C-alpha atoms as a PDB file:
ATOM      1  CA  MET A   1      12.391  -5.769  -8.317  1.00  0.00           C
ATOM      2  CA  GLU A   2      13.749  -7.183  -5.118  1.00  0.00           C
ATOM      3  CA  LYS A   3      15.091  -3.766  -3.951  1.00  0.00           C
ATOM      4  CA  ALA A   4      11.695  -2.173  -4.619  1.00  0.00           C
ATOM      5  CA  ARG A   5       9.881  -4.972  -2.672  1.00  0.00           C
ATOM      6  CA  GLN A   6      12.367  -4.451   0.309  1.00  0.00           C
ATOM      7  CA  VAL A   7      11.651  -0.776   0.320  1.00  0.00           C
ATOM      8  CA  MET A   8       7.916  -1.218   0.201  1.00  0.00           C
ATOM      9  CA  GLU A   9       7.967  -3.904   2.902  1.00  0.00           C
ATOM     10  CA  GLU A  10       9.916  -1.542   5.194  1.00  0.00           C
ATOM     11  CA  PHE A  11       7.453   1.223   4.407  1.00  0.00           C
ATOM     12  CA  MET A  12       4.567  -1.092   5.271  1.00  0.00           C
ATOM     13  CA  ASP A  13       6.147  -2.081   8.528  1.00  0.00           C
ATOM     14  CA  MET A  14       6.552   1.570   9.516  1.00  0.00           C
ATOM     15  CA  TRP A  15       3.043   2.394   8.314  1.00  0.00           C
ATOM     16  CA  GLN A  16       1.594  -0.457  10.355  1.00  0.00           C
ATOM     17  CA  GLN A  17       3.340   0.813  13.396  1.00  0.00           C
ATOM     18  CA  ALA A  18       1.994   4.306  12.868  1.00  0.00           C
ATOM     19  CA  LEU A  19      -1.585   2.954  12.455  1.00  0.00           C
ATOM     20  CA  SER A  20      -1.335   0.856  15.561  1.00  0.00           C
ATOM     21  CA  LYS A  21      -0.290   4.000  17.593  1.00  0.00           C
ATOM     22  CA  ARG A  22      -3.416   5.802  16.389  1.00  0.00           C
ATOM     23  CA  SER A  23      -5.597   2.975  17.358  1.00  0.00           C
ATOM     24  CA  LEU A  24      -7.312   2.584  14.001  1.00  0.00           C
ATOM     25  CA  PRO A  25      -9.436  -0.546  13.782  1.00  0.00           C
ATOM     26  CA  GLY A  26      -8.362  -3.405  11.507  1.00  0.00           C
ATOM     27  CA  HIS A  27      -5.109  -4.422   9.964  1.00  0.00           C
ATOM     28  CA  TYR A  28      -3.652  -2.814   6.831  1.00  0.00           C
ATOM     29  CA  MET A  29      -2.507  -5.497   4.357  1.00  0.00           C
ATOM     30  CA  HIS A  30      -0.535  -4.574   1.326  1.00  0.00           C
ATOM     31  CA  VAL A  31      -1.603  -6.363  -1.868  1.00  0.00           C
ATOM     32  CA  GLY A  32       1.098  -6.051  -4.498  1.00  0.00           C
ATOM     33  CA  PRO A  33       0.054  -4.765  -7.942  1.00  0.00           C
ATOM     34  CA  ASN A  34       0.109  -6.917 -11.034  1.00  0.00           C
ATOM     35  CA  PHE A  35       2.658  -5.059 -13.040  1.00  0.00           C
ATOM     36  CA  SER A  36       1.647  -6.826 -16.270  1.00  0.00           C
ATOM     37  CA  GLU A  37      -1.725  -4.938 -16.023  1.00  0.00           C
ATOM     38  CA  TYR A  38       0.230  -1.798 -16.621  1.00  0.00           C
ATOM     39  CA  GLY A  39       2.265  -3.126 -19.442  1.00  0.00           C
ATOM     40  CA  LEU A  40       5.400  -3.369 -17.324  1.00  0.00           C
ATOM     41  CA  ALA A  41       8.057  -6.056 -17.680  1.00  0.00           C
ATOM     42  CA  ASP A  42       9.730  -7.966 -14.861  1.00  0.00           C
ATOM     43  CA  GLN A  43      12.727  -5.600 -14.881  1.00  0.00           C
ATOM     44  CA  CYS A  44      12.049  -3.039 -12.033  1.00  0.00           C
ATOM     45  CA  THR A  45      11.955   0.630 -13.115  1.00  0.00           C
ATOM     46  CA  SER A  46      10.881   3.860 -11.667  1.00  0.00           C
ATOM     47  CA  GLN A  47       7.505   3.125 -13.306  1.00  0.00           C
ATOM     48  CA  HIS A  48       7.132  -0.008 -11.022  1.00  0.00           C
ATOM     49  CA  THR A  49       7.907   2.141  -8.017  1.00  0.00           C
ATOM     50  CA  ALA A  50       5.212   4.650  -9.071  1.00  0.00           C
ATOM     51  CA  VAL A  51       2.683   1.876  -9.546  1.00  0.00           C
ATOM     52  CA  GLN A  52       3.560   0.410  -6.135  1.00  0.00           C
ATOM     53  CA  TYR A  53       3.148   3.830  -4.421  1.00  0.00           C
ATOM     54  CA  ALA A  54      -0.142   4.568  -6.269  1.00  0.00           C
ATOM     55  CA  ALA A  55      -1.536   1.062  -5.278  1.00  0.00           C
ATOM     56  CA  ILE A  56      -0.602   1.621  -1.597  1.00  0.00           C
ATOM     57  CA  MET A  57      -2.205   5.141  -1.554  1.00  0.00           C
ATOM     58  CA  ALA A  58      -5.355   3.840  -3.220  1.00  0.00           C
ATOM     59  CA  GLN A  59      -5.572   1.078  -0.658  1.00  0.00           C
ATOM     60  CA  LEU A  60      -4.933   3.504   2.223  1.00  0.00           C
ATOM     61  CA  ILE A  61      -7.585   5.911   0.904  1.00  0.00           C
ATOM     62  CA  ALA A  62     -10.146   3.155   0.673  1.00  0.00           C
ATOM     63  CA  THR A  63      -9.258   1.935   4.183  1.00  0.00           C
ATOM     64  CA  VAL A  64      -9.660   5.417   5.676  1.00  0.00           C
ATOM     65  CA  GLN A  65     -13.006   5.889   3.840  1.00  0.00           C
ATOM     66  CA  ALA A  66     -14.250   2.634   5.146  1.00  0.00           C
ATOM     67  CA  VAL A  67     -13.359   3.542   8.720  1.00  0.00           C
ATOM     68  CA  GLN A  68     -14.942   7.024   8.361  1.00  0.00           C
ATOM     69  CA  GLN A  69     -18.091   5.461   6.891  1.00  0.00           C
ATOM     70  CA  SER A  70     -18.387   2.924   9.731  1.00  0.00           C
ATOM     71  CA  ALA A  71     -17.844   5.701  12.264  1.00  0.00           C
ATOM     72  CA  ARG A  72     -20.895   7.586  10.751  1.00  0.00           C
ATOM     73  CA  ASN A  73     -23.089   4.533  11.004  1.00  0.00           C
END
């Protein structure tokens, strides 16, 4: 679990740097998924990693859609 968290934190740091270079408004904040909602135990598996990536992508898509919507208004 800690190794996956470290990888995700590094990814988020790099992603935040990329966003800041493109001057997107706001601040992207990662909200970790609740693995028990997916029936996953505390032992980290590839399923945990998949859930983390899916959660980040869903959050990113929602952020981009919100930025696009506010640009239209």
